[in-house]
Amino acid sequence: TAALLTTNITPSDPVSACVGEARVLEHVIAPPEVAWQLFGDIGVYTEDQIRGHVQTRGAHAGEVLALRFGLYLPFSRAVPLPELRRIVRTPGAAPQGLTPISTDAYAEIRAAGGLSW
């Protein structure tokens, strides 16, 4: 589905806002050492930081989800967290995580950030 292919980039620092979108080019669910071997050259996280994202229970206990992004499009206007929550109609949504949204909400976030189809 489209939700697995495209993502909104939403950092929490320095501001909680959606600042752009990117395509997910590659993903892996694996132990942190394997994720580091595959994605460590990107330079976003250290191996110790990756360990901080290990699942503690469930089918993927001891593993992390690692993503490689590409085709990044920055928004001309950052979409602040309160506006994102209004658009997705979820008051407590944490968009830094994997949050499924409707195609209409996705289009509205893009438009609010200054992108159009």
PDB file of N, CA and C in Angstrom:
ATOM      1  N   THR A   1       0.836  -1.189   0.000  1.00  0.00           N
ATOM      2  CA  THR A   1       0.000   0.000   0.000  1.00  0.00           C
ATOM      3  C   THR A   1       0.875   1.244   0.000  1.00  0.00           C
ATOM      4  N   ALA A   2       0.269   2.383  -0.306  1.00  0.00           N
ATOM      5  CA  ALA A   2       1.017   3.642  -0.364  1.00  0.00           C
ATOM      6  C   ALA A   2       1.614   3.998   0.984  1.00  0.00           C
ATOM      7  N   ALA A   3       0.953   3.606   2.057  1.00  0.00           N
ATOM      8  CA  ALA A   3       1.452   3.951   3.386  1.00  0.00           C
ATOM      9  C   ALA A   3       2.815   3.326   3.653  1.00  0.00           C
ATOM     10  N   LEU A   4       3.129   2.219   3.004  1.00  0.00           N
ATOM     11  CA  LEU A   4       4.413   1.585   3.202  1.00  0.00           C
ATOM     12  C   LEU A   4       5.503   2.188   2.327  1.00  0.00           C
ATOM     13  N   LEU A   5       5.125   2.953   1.327  1.00  0.00           N
ATOM     14  CA  LEU A   5       6.093   3.470   0.373  1.00  0.00           C
ATOM     15  C   LEU A   5       6.514   4.907   0.635  1.00  0.00           C
ATOM     16  N   THR A   6       5.648   5.702   1.180  1.00  0.00           N
ATOM     17  CA  THR A   6       5.939   7.114   1.369  1.00  0.00           C
ATOM     18  C   THR A   6       5.737   7.484   2.823  1.00  0.00           C
ATOM     19  N   THR A   7       6.554   8.391   3.317  1.00  0.00           N
ATOM     20  CA  THR A   7       6.460   8.800   4.705  1.00  0.00           C
ATOM     21  C   THR A   7       6.582  10.302   4.819  1.00  0.00           C
ATOM     22  N   ASN A   8       5.978  10.842   5.836  1.00  0.00           N
ATOM     23  CA  ASN A   8       6.198  12.240   6.186  1.00  0.00           C
ATOM     24  C   ASN A   8       7.341  12.284   7.174  1.00  0.00           C
ATOM     25  N   ILE A   9       8.251  13.240   7.020  1.00  0.00           N
ATOM     26  CA  ILE A   9       9.389  13.383   7.910  1.00  0.00           C
ATOM     27  C   ILE A   9       8.992  14.338   9.024  1.00  0.00           C
ATOM     28  N   THR A  10       8.975  13.827  10.266  1.00  0.00           N
ATOM     29  CA  THR A  10       8.488  14.592  11.407  1.00  0.00           C
ATOM     30  C   THR A  10       9.497  14.543  12.542  1.00  0.00           C
ATOM     31  N   PRO A  11      10.444  15.475  12.576  1.00  0.00           N
ATOM     32  CA  PRO A  11      11.391  15.495  13.695  1.00  0.00           C
ATOM     33  C   PRO A  11      10.746  16.080  14.945  1.00  0.00           C
ATOM     34  N   SER A  12      11.268  15.739  16.096  1.00  0.00           N
ATOM     35  CA  SER A  12      10.773  16.343  17.335  1.00  0.00           C
ATOM     36  C   SER A  12      11.701  17.443  17.818  1.00  0.00           C
ATOM     37  N   ASP A  13      12.867  17.562  17.194  1.00  0.00           N
ATOM     38  CA  ASP A  13      13.831  18.566  17.627  1.00  0.00           C
ATOM     39  C   ASP A  13      14.386  19.258  16.394  1.00  0.00           C
ATOM     40  N   PRO A  14      14.410  20.546  16.252  1.00  0.00           N
ATOM     41  CA  PRO A  14      14.138  21.547  17.272  1.00  0.00           C
ATOM     42  C   PRO A  14      12.656  21.863  17.464  1.00  0.00           C
ATOM     43  N   VAL A  15      11.794  21.472  16.518  1.00  0.00           N
ATOM     44  CA  VAL A  15      10.358  21.701  16.668  1.00  0.00           C
ATOM     45  C   VAL A  15       9.624  20.425  16.293  1.00  0.00           C
ATOM     46  N   SER A  16       8.450  20.235  16.873  1.00  0.00           N
ATOM     47  CA  SER A  16       7.615  19.095  16.498  1.00  0.00           C
ATOM     48  C   SER A  16       6.760  19.525  15.320  1.00  0.00           C
ATOM     49  N   ALA A  17       7.194  19.164  14.124  1.00  0.00           N
ATOM     50  CA  ALA A  17       6.488  19.564  12.914  1.00  0.00           C
ATOM     51  C   ALA A  17       6.849  18.621  11.790  1.00  0.00           C
ATOM     52  N   CYS A  18       5.974  18.513  10.814  1.00  0.00           N
ATOM     53  CA  CYS A  18       6.266  17.750   9.609  1.00  0.00           C
ATOM     54  C   CYS A  18       6.988  18.691   8.654  1.00  0.00           C
ATOM     55  N   VAL A  19       8.183  18.318   8.230  1.00  0.00           N
ATOM     56  CA  VAL A  19       9.016  19.216   7.431  1.00  0.00           C
ATOM     57  C   VAL A  19       9.204  18.742   5.995  1.00  0.00           C
ATOM     58  N   GLY A  20       8.682  17.569   5.636  1.00  0.00           N
ATOM     59  CA  GLY A  20       8.831  17.080   4.278  1.00  0.00           C
ATOM     60  C   GLY A  20       8.357  15.653   4.159  1.00  0.00           C
ATOM     61  N   GLU A  21       8.587  15.074   2.994  1.00  0.00           N
ATOM     62  CA  GLU A  21       8.223  13.685   2.774  1.00  0.00           C
ATOM     63  C   GLU A  21       9.349  12.993   2.020  1.00  0.00           C
ATOM     64  N   ALA A  22       9.357  11.666   2.121  1.00  0.00           N
ATOM     65  CA  ALA A  22      10.378  10.869   1.441  1.00  0.00           C
ATOM     66  C   ALA A  22       9.801   9.506   1.129  1.00  0.00           C
ATOM     67  N   ARG A  23      10.437   8.814   0.218  1.00  0.00           N
ATOM     68  CA  ARG A  23      10.066   7.442  -0.104  1.00  0.00           C
ATOM     69  C   ARG A  23      10.888   6.495   0.755  1.00  0.00           C
ATOM     70  N   VAL A  24      10.271   5.416   1.190  1.00  0.00           N
ATOM     71  CA  VAL A  24      11.008   4.354   1.873  1.00  0.00           C
ATOM     72  C   VAL A  24      11.577   3.462   0.771  1.00  0.00           C
ATOM     73  N   LEU A  25      12.897   3.481   0.633  1.00  0.00           N
ATOM     74  CA  LEU A  25      13.556   2.716  -0.422  1.00  0.00           C
ATOM     75  C   LEU A  25      13.899   1.299   0.012  1.00  0.00           C
ATOM     76  N   GLU A  26      14.145   1.136   1.311  1.00  0.00           N
ATOM     77  CA  GLU A  26      14.558  -0.170   1.823  1.00  0.00           C
ATOM     78  C   GLU A  26      14.202  -0.226   3.296  1.00  0.00           C
ATOM     79  N   HIS A  27      13.861  -1.421   3.762  1.00  0.00           N
ATOM     80  CA  HIS A  27      13.589  -1.595   5.186  1.00  0.00           C
ATOM     81  C   HIS A  27      14.068  -2.976   5.629  1.00  0.00           C
ATOM     82  N   VAL A  28      14.308  -3.079   6.923  1.00  0.00           N
ATOM     83  CA  VAL A  28      14.687  -4.363   7.502  1.00  0.00           C
ATOM     84  C   VAL A  28      14.230  -4.386   8.959  1.00  0.00           C
ATOM     85  N   ILE A  29      13.755  -5.534   9.401  1.00  0.00           N
ATOM     86  CA  ILE A  29      13.496  -5.788  10.817  1.00  0.00           C
ATOM     87  C   ILE A  29      14.523  -6.822  11.220  1.00  0.00           C
ATOM     88  N   ALA A  30      15.446  -6.422  12.098  1.00  0.00           N
ATOM     89  CA  ALA A  30      16.594  -7.287  12.396  1.00  0.00           C
ATOM     90  C   ALA A  30      17.204  -6.894  13.735  1.00  0.00           C
ATOM     91  N   PRO A  31      18.103  -7.721  14.258  1.00  0.00           N
ATOM     92  CA  PRO A  31      18.849  -7.330  15.451  1.00  0.00           C
ATOM     93  C   PRO A  31      19.636  -6.035  15.166  1.00  0.00           C
ATOM     94  N   PRO A  32      19.914  -5.237  16.192  1.00  0.00           N
ATOM     95  CA  PRO A  32      20.588  -3.959  15.969  1.00  0.00           C
ATOM     96  C   PRO A  32      21.921  -4.072  15.236  1.00  0.00           C
ATOM     97  N   GLU A  33      22.662  -5.153  15.472  1.00  0.00           N
ATOM     98  CA  GLU A  33      23.955  -5.318  14.804  1.00  0.00           C
ATOM     99  C   GLU A  33      23.782  -5.438  13.289  1.00  0.00           C
ATOM    100  N   VAL A  34      22.748  -6.158  12.874  1.00  0.00           N
ATOM    101  CA  VAL A  34      22.483  -6.335  11.447  1.00  0.00           C
ATOM    102  C   VAL A  34      22.020  -5.012  10.843  1.00  0.00           C
ATOM    103  N   ALA A  35      21.130  -4.310  11.544  1.00  0.00           N
ATOM    104  CA  ALA A  35      20.668  -3.001  11.055  1.00  0.00           C
ATOM    105  C   ALA A  35      21.856  -2.054  10.902  1.00  0.00           C
ATOM    106  N   TRP A  36      22.777  -2.071  11.844  1.00  0.00           N
ATOM    107  CA  TRP A  36      23.965  -1.211  11.772  1.00  0.00           C
ATOM    108  C   TRP A  36      24.826  -1.590  10.569  1.00  0.00           C
ATOM    109  N   GLN A  37      24.997  -2.886  10.328  1.00  0.00           N
ATOM    110  CA  GLN A  37      25.798  -3.323   9.175  1.00  0.00           C
ATOM    111  C   GLN A  37      25.180  -2.845   7.862  1.00  0.00           C
ATOM    112  N   LEU A  38      23.848  -2.871   7.789  1.00  0.00           N
ATOM    113  CA  LEU A  38      23.169  -2.501   6.548  1.00  0.00           C
ATOM    114  C   LEU A  38      23.028  -0.996   6.360  1.00  0.00           C
ATOM    115  N   PHE A  39      22.825  -0.257   7.465  1.00  0.00           N
ATOM    116  CA  PHE A  39      22.480   1.153   7.355  1.00  0.00           C
ATOM    117  C   PHE A  39      23.442   2.094   8.080  1.00  0.00           C
ATOM    118  N   GLY A  40      24.480   1.571   8.718  1.00  0.00           N
ATOM    119  CA  GLY A  40      25.381   2.401   9.512  1.00  0.00           C
ATOM    120  C   GLY A  40      26.089   3.476   8.718  1.00  0.00           C
ATOM    121  N   ASP A  41      26.256   3.258   7.412  1.00  0.00           N
ATOM    122  CA  ASP A  41      26.941   4.244   6.581  1.00  0.00           C
ATOM    123  C   ASP A  41      26.130   5.514   6.355  1.00  0.00           C
ATOM    124  N   ILE A  42      24.848   5.477   6.687  1.00  0.00           N
ATOM    125  CA  ILE A  42      24.007   6.664   6.493  1.00  0.00           C
ATOM    126  C   ILE A  42      24.425   7.771   7.450  1.00  0.00           C
ATOM    127  N   GLY A  43      24.841   7.393   8.669  1.00  0.00           N
ATOM    128  CA  GLY A  43      25.337   8.388   9.612  1.00  0.00           C
ATOM    129  C   GLY A  43      24.281   9.098  10.431  1.00  0.00           C
ATOM    130  N   VAL A  44      23.049   8.574  10.465  1.00  0.00           N
ATOM    131  CA  VAL A  44      21.996   9.210  11.247  1.00  0.00           C
ATOM    132  C   VAL A  44      22.080   8.806  12.711  1.00  0.00           C
ATOM    133  N   TYR A  45      22.230   7.524  12.984  1.00  0.00           N
ATOM    134  CA  TYR A  45      22.317   6.987  14.332  1.00  0.00           C
ATOM    135  C   TYR A  45      23.639   6.267  14.533  1.00  0.00           C
ATOM    136  N   THR A  46      24.099   6.262  15.777  1.00  0.00           N
ATOM    137  CA  THR A  46      25.215   5.398  16.138  1.00  0.00           C
ATOM    138  C   THR A  46      24.643   4.013  16.450  1.00  0.00           C
ATOM    139  N   GLU A  47      25.512   3.025  16.557  1.00  0.00           N
ATOM    140  CA  GLU A  47      25.036   1.682  16.886  1.00  0.00           C
ATOM    141  C   GLU A  47      24.367   1.664  18.261  1.00  0.00           C
ATOM    142  N   ASP A  48      24.899   2.411  19.221  1.00  0.00           N
ATOM    143  CA  ASP A  48      24.283   2.471  20.554  1.00  0.00           C
ATOM    144  C   ASP A  48      22.891   3.107  20.496  1.00  0.00           C
ATOM    145  N   GLN A  49      22.723   4.128  19.664  1.00  0.00           N
ATOM    146  CA  GLN A  49      21.398   4.742  19.529  1.00  0.00           C
ATOM    147  C   GLN A  49      20.402   3.769  18.914  1.00  0.00           C
ATOM    148  N   ILE A  50      20.856   2.976  17.972  1.00  0.00           N
ATOM    149  CA  ILE A  50      19.982   1.962  17.373  1.00  0.00           C
ATOM    150  C   ILE A  50      19.526   0.976  18.446  1.00  0.00           C
ATOM    151  N   ARG A  51      20.437   0.587  19.336  1.00  0.00           N
ATOM    152  CA  ARG A  51      20.079  -0.338  20.421  1.00  0.00           C
ATOM    153  C   ARG A  51      18.964   0.227  21.305  1.00  0.00           C
ATOM    154  N   GLY A  52      18.863   1.535  21.385  1.00  0.00           N
ATOM    155  CA  GLY A  52      17.813   2.171  22.178  1.00  0.00           C
ATOM    156  C   GLY A  52      16.420   2.003  21.601  1.00  0.00           C
ATOM    157  N   HIS A  53      16.327   1.483  20.372  1.00  0.00           N
ATOM    158  CA  HIS A  53      15.029   1.292  19.721  1.00  0.00           C
ATOM    159  C   HIS A  53      14.617  -0.168  19.637  1.00  0.00           C
ATOM    160  N   VAL A  54      15.314  -1.050  20.337  1.00  0.00           N
ATOM    161  CA  VAL A  54      15.020  -2.482  20.289  1.00  0.00           C
ATOM    162  C   VAL A  54      13.646  -2.768  20.897  1.00  0.00           C
ATOM    163  N   GLN A  55      12.873  -3.584  20.206  1.00  0.00           N
ATOM    164  CA  GLN A  55      11.592  -4.039  20.730  1.00  0.00           C
ATOM    165  C   GLN A  55      11.857  -4.956  21.925  1.00  0.00           C
ATOM    166  N   THR A  56      11.100  -4.769  22.984  1.00  0.00           N
ATOM    167  CA  THR A  56      11.338  -5.555  24.193  1.00  0.00           C
ATOM    168  C   THR A  56      10.425  -6.771  24.316  1.00  0.00           C
ATOM    169  N   ARG A  57       9.371  -6.827  23.511  1.00  0.00           N
ATOM    170  CA  ARG A  57       8.456  -7.974  23.596  1.00  0.00           C
ATOM    171  C   ARG A  57       7.787  -8.190  22.236  1.00  0.00           C
ATOM    172  N   GLY A  58       7.104  -9.303  22.132  1.00  0.00           N
ATOM    173  CA  GLY A  58       6.378  -9.614  20.907  1.00  0.00           C
ATOM    174  C   GLY A  58       7.218 -10.381  19.897  1.00  0.00           C
ATOM    175  N   ALA A  59       6.666 -10.502  18.711  1.00  0.00           N
ATOM    176  CA  ALA A  59       7.293 -11.295  17.658  1.00  0.00           C
ATOM    177  C   ALA A  59       8.663 -10.762  17.245  1.00  0.00           C
ATOM    178  N   HIS A  60       8.909  -9.472  17.447  1.00  0.00           N
ATOM    179  CA  HIS A  60      10.177  -8.875  17.030  1.00  0.00           C
ATOM    180  C   HIS A  60      11.036  -8.431  18.216  1.00  0.00           C
ATOM    181  N   ALA A  61      10.851  -9.103  19.358  1.00  0.00           N
ATOM    182  CA  ALA A  61      11.666  -8.785  20.531  1.00  0.00           C
ATOM    183  C   ALA A  61      13.139  -8.943  20.174  1.00  0.00           C
ATOM    184  N   GLY A  62      13.936  -7.956  20.577  1.00  0.00           N
ATOM    185  CA  GLY A  62      15.368  -7.988  20.293  1.00  0.00           C
ATOM    186  C   GLY A  62      15.738  -7.432  18.929  1.00  0.00           C
ATOM    187  N   GLU A  63      14.737  -6.949  18.185  1.00  0.00           N
ATOM    188  CA  GLU A  63      14.984  -6.434  16.837  1.00  0.00           C
ATOM    189  C   GLU A  63      14.563  -4.960  16.736  1.00  0.00           C
ATOM    190  N   VAL A  64      15.015  -4.327  15.660  1.00  0.00           N
ATOM    191  CA  VAL A  64      14.657  -2.939  15.362  1.00  0.00           C
ATOM    192  C   VAL A  64      14.128  -2.872  13.931  1.00  0.00           C
ATOM    193  N   LEU A  65      13.371  -1.829  13.650  1.00  0.00           N
ATOM    194  CA  LEU A  65      12.945  -1.516  12.292  1.00  0.00           C
ATOM    195  C   LEU A  65      13.880  -0.437  11.772  1.00  0.00           C
ATOM    196  N   ALA A  66      14.582  -0.720  10.690  1.00  0.00           N
ATOM    197  CA  ALA A  66      15.487   0.262  10.084  1.00  0.00           C
ATOM    198  C   ALA A  66      14.974   0.601   8.690  1.00  0.00           C
ATOM    199  N   LEU A  67      15.004   1.884   8.362  1.00  0.00           N
ATOM    200  CA  LEU A  67      14.489   2.362   7.080  1.00  0.00           C
ATOM    201  C   LEU A  67      15.544   3.182   6.354  1.00  0.00           C
ATOM    202  N   ARG A  68      15.618   3.015   5.054  1.00  0.00           N
ATOM    203  CA  ARG A  68      16.461   3.872   4.210  1.00  0.00           C
ATOM    204  C   ARG A  68      15.511   4.706   3.351  1.00  0.00           C
ATOM    205  N   PHE A  69      15.638   6.033   3.473  1.00  0.00           N
ATOM    206  CA  PHE A  69      14.783   6.955   2.743  1.00  0.00           C
ATOM    207  C   PHE A  69      15.501   7.513   1.525  1.00  0.00           C
ATOM    208  N   GLY A  70      14.734   7.949   0.551  1.00  0.00           N
ATOM    209  CA  GLY A  70      15.256   8.636  -0.613  1.00  0.00           C
ATOM    210  C   GLY A  70      14.193   9.538  -1.194  1.00  0.00           C
ATOM    211  N   LEU A  71      14.542  10.261  -2.227  1.00  0.00           N
ATOM    212  CA  LEU A  71      13.607  11.153  -2.915  1.00  0.00           C
ATOM    213  C   LEU A  71      12.949  12.138  -1.950  1.00  0.00           C
ATOM    214  N   TYR A  72      13.749  12.715  -1.075  1.00  0.00           N
ATOM    215  CA  TYR A  72      13.235  13.641  -0.064  1.00  0.00           C
ATOM    216  C   TYR A  72      12.758  14.933  -0.702  1.00  0.00           C
ATOM    217  N   LEU A  73      11.566  15.366  -0.309  1.00  0.00           N
ATOM    218  CA  LEU A  73      11.008  16.647  -0.735  1.00  0.00           C
ATOM    219  C   LEU A  73      10.727  17.485   0.505  1.00  0.00           C
ATOM    220  N   PRO A  74      11.486  18.553   0.721  1.00  0.00           N
ATOM    221  CA  PRO A  74      11.195  19.399   1.877  1.00  0.00           C
ATOM    222  C   PRO A  74       9.934  20.216   1.642  1.00  0.00           C
ATOM    223  N   PHE A  75       9.193  20.441   2.696  1.00  0.00           N
ATOM    224  CA  PHE A  75       8.027  21.325   2.620  1.00  0.00           C
ATOM    225  C   PHE A  75       8.506  22.770   2.637  1.00  0.00           C
ATOM    226  N   SER A  76       7.788  23.642   1.959  1.00  0.00           N
ATOM    227  CA  SER A  76       8.119  25.066   2.020  1.00  0.00           C
ATOM    228  C   SER A  76       7.643  25.670   3.336  1.00  0.00           C
ATOM    229  N   ARG A  77       6.721  24.979   4.000  1.00  0.00           N
ATOM    230  CA  ARG A  77       6.210  25.410   5.305  1.00  0.00           C
ATOM    231  C   ARG A  77       6.119  24.180   6.195  1.00  0.00           C
ATOM    232  N   ALA A  78       6.743  24.244   7.370  1.00  0.00           N
ATOM    233  CA  ALA A  78       6.625  23.148   8.335  1.00  0.00           C
ATOM    234  C   ALA A  78       5.190  23.095   8.853  1.00  0.00           C
ATOM    235  N   VAL A  79       4.653  21.895   8.981  1.00  0.00           N
ATOM    236  CA  VAL A  79       3.291  21.710   9.488  1.00  0.00           C
ATOM    237  C   VAL A  79       3.398  21.330  10.959  1.00  0.00           C
ATOM    238  N   PRO A  80       3.028  22.254  11.877  1.00  0.00           N
ATOM    239  CA  PRO A  80       3.215  22.007  13.310  1.00  0.00           C
ATOM    240  C   PRO A  80       2.364  20.840  13.832  1.00  0.00           C
ATOM    241  N   LEU A  81       2.834  20.247  14.924  1.00  0.00           N
ATOM    242  CA  LEU A  81       2.177  19.082  15.513  1.00  0.00           C
ATOM    243  C   LEU A  81       0.684  19.288  15.779  1.00  0.00           C
ATOM    244  N   PRO A  82       0.241  20.404  16.360  1.00  0.00           N
ATOM    245  CA  PRO A  82      -1.199  20.554  16.573  1.00  0.00           C
ATOM    246  C   PRO A  82      -2.004  20.502  15.265  1.00  0.00           C
ATOM    247  N   GLU A  83      -1.449  21.059  14.201  1.00  0.00           N
ATOM    248  CA  GLU A  83      -2.127  21.016  12.904  1.00  0.00           C
ATOM    249  C   GLU A  83      -2.134  19.590  12.343  1.00  0.00           C
ATOM    250  N   LEU A  84      -1.024  18.866  12.495  1.00  0.00           N
ATOM    251  CA  LEU A  84      -0.985  17.464  12.062  1.00  0.00           C
ATOM    252  C   LEU A  84      -2.055  16.645  12.772  1.00  0.00           C
ATOM    253  N   ARG A  85      -2.169  16.854  14.070  1.00  0.00           N
ATOM    254  CA  ARG A  85      -3.171  16.106  14.843  1.00  0.00           C
ATOM    255  C   ARG A  85      -4.581  16.450  14.399  1.00  0.00           C
ATOM    256  N   ARG A  86      -4.807  17.703  14.056  1.00  0.00           N
ATOM    257  CA  ARG A  86      -6.132  18.102  13.561  1.00  0.00           C
ATOM    258  C   ARG A  86      -6.414  17.425  12.223  1.00  0.00           C
ATOM    259  N   ILE A  87      -5.419  17.394  11.343  1.00  0.00           N
ATOM    260  CA  ILE A  87      -5.602  16.810  10.014  1.00  0.00           C
ATOM    261  C   ILE A  87      -5.884  15.312  10.100  1.00  0.00           C
ATOM    262  N   VAL A  88      -5.135  14.593  10.919  1.00  0.00           N
ATOM    263  CA  VAL A  88      -5.340  13.138  11.017  1.00  0.00           C
ATOM    264  C   VAL A  88      -6.474  12.785  11.974  1.00  0.00           C
ATOM    265  N   ARG A  89      -7.034  13.807  12.594  1.00  0.00           N
ATOM    266  CA  ARG A  89      -8.192  13.647  13.495  1.00  0.00           C
ATOM    267  C   ARG A  89      -7.916  12.694  14.647  1.00  0.00           C
ATOM    268  N   THR A  90      -6.696  12.777  15.163  1.00  0.00           N
ATOM    269  CA  THR A  90      -6.308  11.973  16.310  1.00  0.00           C
ATOM    270  C   THR A  90      -5.607  12.884  17.305  1.00  0.00           C
ATOM    271  N   PRO A  91      -6.303  13.304  18.380  1.00  0.00           N
ATOM    272  CA  PRO A  91      -5.739  14.281  19.313  1.00  0.00           C
ATOM    273  C   PRO A  91      -4.375  13.923  19.886  1.00  0.00           C
ATOM    274  N   GLY A  92      -4.125  12.674  20.218  1.00  0.00           N
ATOM    275  CA  GLY A  92      -2.852  12.315  20.838  1.00  0.00           C
ATOM    276  C   GLY A  92      -1.871  11.637  19.901  1.00  0.00           C
ATOM    277  N   ALA A  93      -2.078  11.766  18.596  1.00  0.00           N
ATOM    278  CA  ALA A  93      -1.227  11.071  17.623  1.00  0.00           C
ATOM    279  C   ALA A  93       0.240  11.442  17.805  1.00  0.00           C
ATOM    280  N   ALA A  94       1.089  10.444  17.678  1.00  0.00           N
ATOM    281  CA  ALA A  94       2.539  10.656  17.724  1.00  0.00           C
ATOM    282  C   ALA A  94       3.083  10.357  16.335  1.00  0.00           C
ATOM    283  N   PRO A  95       3.113  11.340  15.449  1.00  0.00           N
ATOM    284  CA  PRO A  95       3.452  11.067  14.050  1.00  0.00           C
ATOM    285  C   PRO A  95       4.890  10.624  13.798  1.00  0.00           C
ATOM    286  N   GLN A  96       5.765  10.671  14.824  1.00  0.00           N
ATOM    287  CA  GLN A  96       7.118  10.162  14.613  1.00  0.00           C
ATOM    288  C   GLN A  96       7.115   8.646  14.486  1.00  0.00           C
ATOM    289  N   GLY A  97       6.070   8.012  14.948  1.00  0.00           N
ATOM    290  CA  GLY A  97       5.971   6.565  14.849  1.00  0.00           C
ATOM    291  C   GLY A  97       5.259   6.148  13.576  1.00  0.00           C
ATOM    292  N   LEU A  98       4.962   4.873  13.485  1.00  0.00           N
ATOM    293  CA  LEU A  98       4.241   4.357  12.330  1.00  0.00           C
ATOM    294  C   LEU A  98       2.756   4.604  12.553  1.00  0.00           C
ATOM    295  N   THR A  99       2.254   5.650  11.924  1.00  0.00           N
ATOM    296  CA  THR A  99       0.866   6.048  12.100  1.00  0.00           C
ATOM    297  C   THR A  99       0.160   5.989  10.755  1.00  0.00           C
ATOM    298  N   PRO A 100      -0.713   5.009  10.555  1.00  0.00           N
ATOM    299  CA  PRO A 100      -1.440   4.967   9.281  1.00  0.00           C
ATOM    300  C   PRO A 100      -2.407   6.141   9.187  1.00  0.00           C
ATOM    301  N   ILE A 101      -2.461   6.759   8.012  1.00  0.00           N
ATOM    302  CA  ILE A 101      -3.396   7.849   7.780  1.00  0.00           C
ATOM    303  C   ILE A 101      -4.082   7.639   6.442  1.00  0.00           C
ATOM    304  N   SER A 102      -5.211   8.288   6.266  1.00  0.00           N
ATOM    305  CA  SER A 102      -5.950   8.162   5.010  1.00  0.00           C
ATOM    306  C   SER A 102      -5.239   8.922   3.896  1.00  0.00           C
ATOM    307  N   THR A 103      -5.577   8.577   2.668  1.00  0.00           N
ATOM    308  CA  THR A 103      -5.027   9.281   1.514  1.00  0.00           C
ATOM    309  C   THR A 103      -5.424  10.747   1.553  1.00  0.00           C
ATOM    310  N   ASP A 104      -6.648  11.031   1.978  1.00  0.00           N
ATOM    311  CA  ASP A 104      -7.106  12.425   2.075  1.00  0.00           C
ATOM    312  C   ASP A 104      -6.290  13.208   3.099  1.00  0.00           C
ATOM    313  N   ALA A 105      -6.024  12.598   4.256  1.00  0.00           N
ATOM    314  CA  ALA A 105      -5.217  13.275   5.276  1.00  0.00           C
ATOM    315  C   ALA A 105      -3.798  13.495   4.772  1.00  0.00           C
ATOM    316  N   TYR A 106      -3.254  12.505   4.060  1.00  0.00           N
ATOM    317  CA  TYR A 106      -1.914  12.650   3.502  1.00  0.00           C
ATOM    318  C   TYR A 106      -1.856  13.820   2.525  1.00  0.00           C
ATOM    319  N   ALA A 107      -2.845  13.913   1.660  1.00  0.00           N
ATOM    320  CA  ALA A 107      -2.898  15.023   0.698  1.00  0.00           C
ATOM    321  C   ALA A 107      -3.031  16.357   1.421  1.00  0.00           C
ATOM    322  N   GLU A 108      -3.799  16.386   2.491  1.00  0.00           N
ATOM    323  CA  GLU A 108      -3.976  17.624   3.252  1.00  0.00           C
ATOM    324  C   GLU A 108      -2.673  18.050   3.943  1.00  0.00           C
ATOM    325  N   ILE A 109      -1.918  17.079   4.475  1.00  0.00           N
ATOM    326  CA  ILE A 109      -0.613  17.395   5.085  1.00  0.00           C
ATOM    327  C   ILE A 109       0.330  17.957   4.028  1.00  0.00           C
ATOM    328  N   ARG A 110       0.372  17.319   2.853  1.00  0.00           N
ATOM    329  CA  ARG A 110       1.229  17.808   1.762  1.00  0.00           C
ATOM    330  C   ARG A 110       0.845  19.235   1.379  1.00  0.00           C
ATOM    331  N   ALA A 111      -0.456  19.485   1.230  1.00  0.00           N
ATOM    332  CA  ALA A 111      -0.918  20.820   0.846  1.00  0.00           C
ATOM    333  C   ALA A 111      -0.563  21.845   1.913  1.00  0.00           C
ATOM    334  N   ALA A 112      -0.731  21.461   3.186  1.00  0.00           N
ATOM    335  CA  ALA A 112      -0.399  22.386   4.274  1.00  0.00           C
ATOM    336  C   ALA A 112       1.094  22.696   4.269  1.00  0.00           C
ATOM    337  N   GLY A 113       1.917  21.763   3.806  1.00  0.00           N
ATOM    338  CA  GLY A 113       3.355  21.975   3.733  1.00  0.00           C
ATOM    339  C   GLY A 113       3.813  22.646   2.455  1.00  0.00           C
ATOM    340  N   GLY A 114       2.887  22.880   1.533  1.00  0.00           N
ATOM    341  CA  GLY A 114       3.229  23.577   0.307  1.00  0.00           C
ATOM    342  C   GLY A 114       3.478  22.697  -0.896  1.00  0.00           C
ATOM    343  N   LEU A 115       3.183  21.389  -0.790  1.00  0.00           N
ATOM    344  CA  LEU A 115       3.336  20.484  -1.937  1.00  0.00           C
ATOM    345  C   LEU A 115       1.976  20.153  -2.518  1.00  0.00           C
ATOM    346  N   SER A 116       1.953  19.879  -3.789  1.00  0.00           N
ATOM    347  CA  SER A 116       0.702  19.432  -4.427  1.00  0.00           C
ATOM    348  C   SER A 116       1.029  18.256  -5.335  1.00  0.00           C
ATOM    349  N   TRP A 117       0.006  17.531  -5.729  1.00  0.00           N
ATOM    350  CA  TRP A 117       0.194  16.363  -6.594  1.00  0.00           C
ATOM    351  C   TRP A 117       0.542  16.839  -7.938  1.00  0.00           C
TER     352      TRP A 117
END
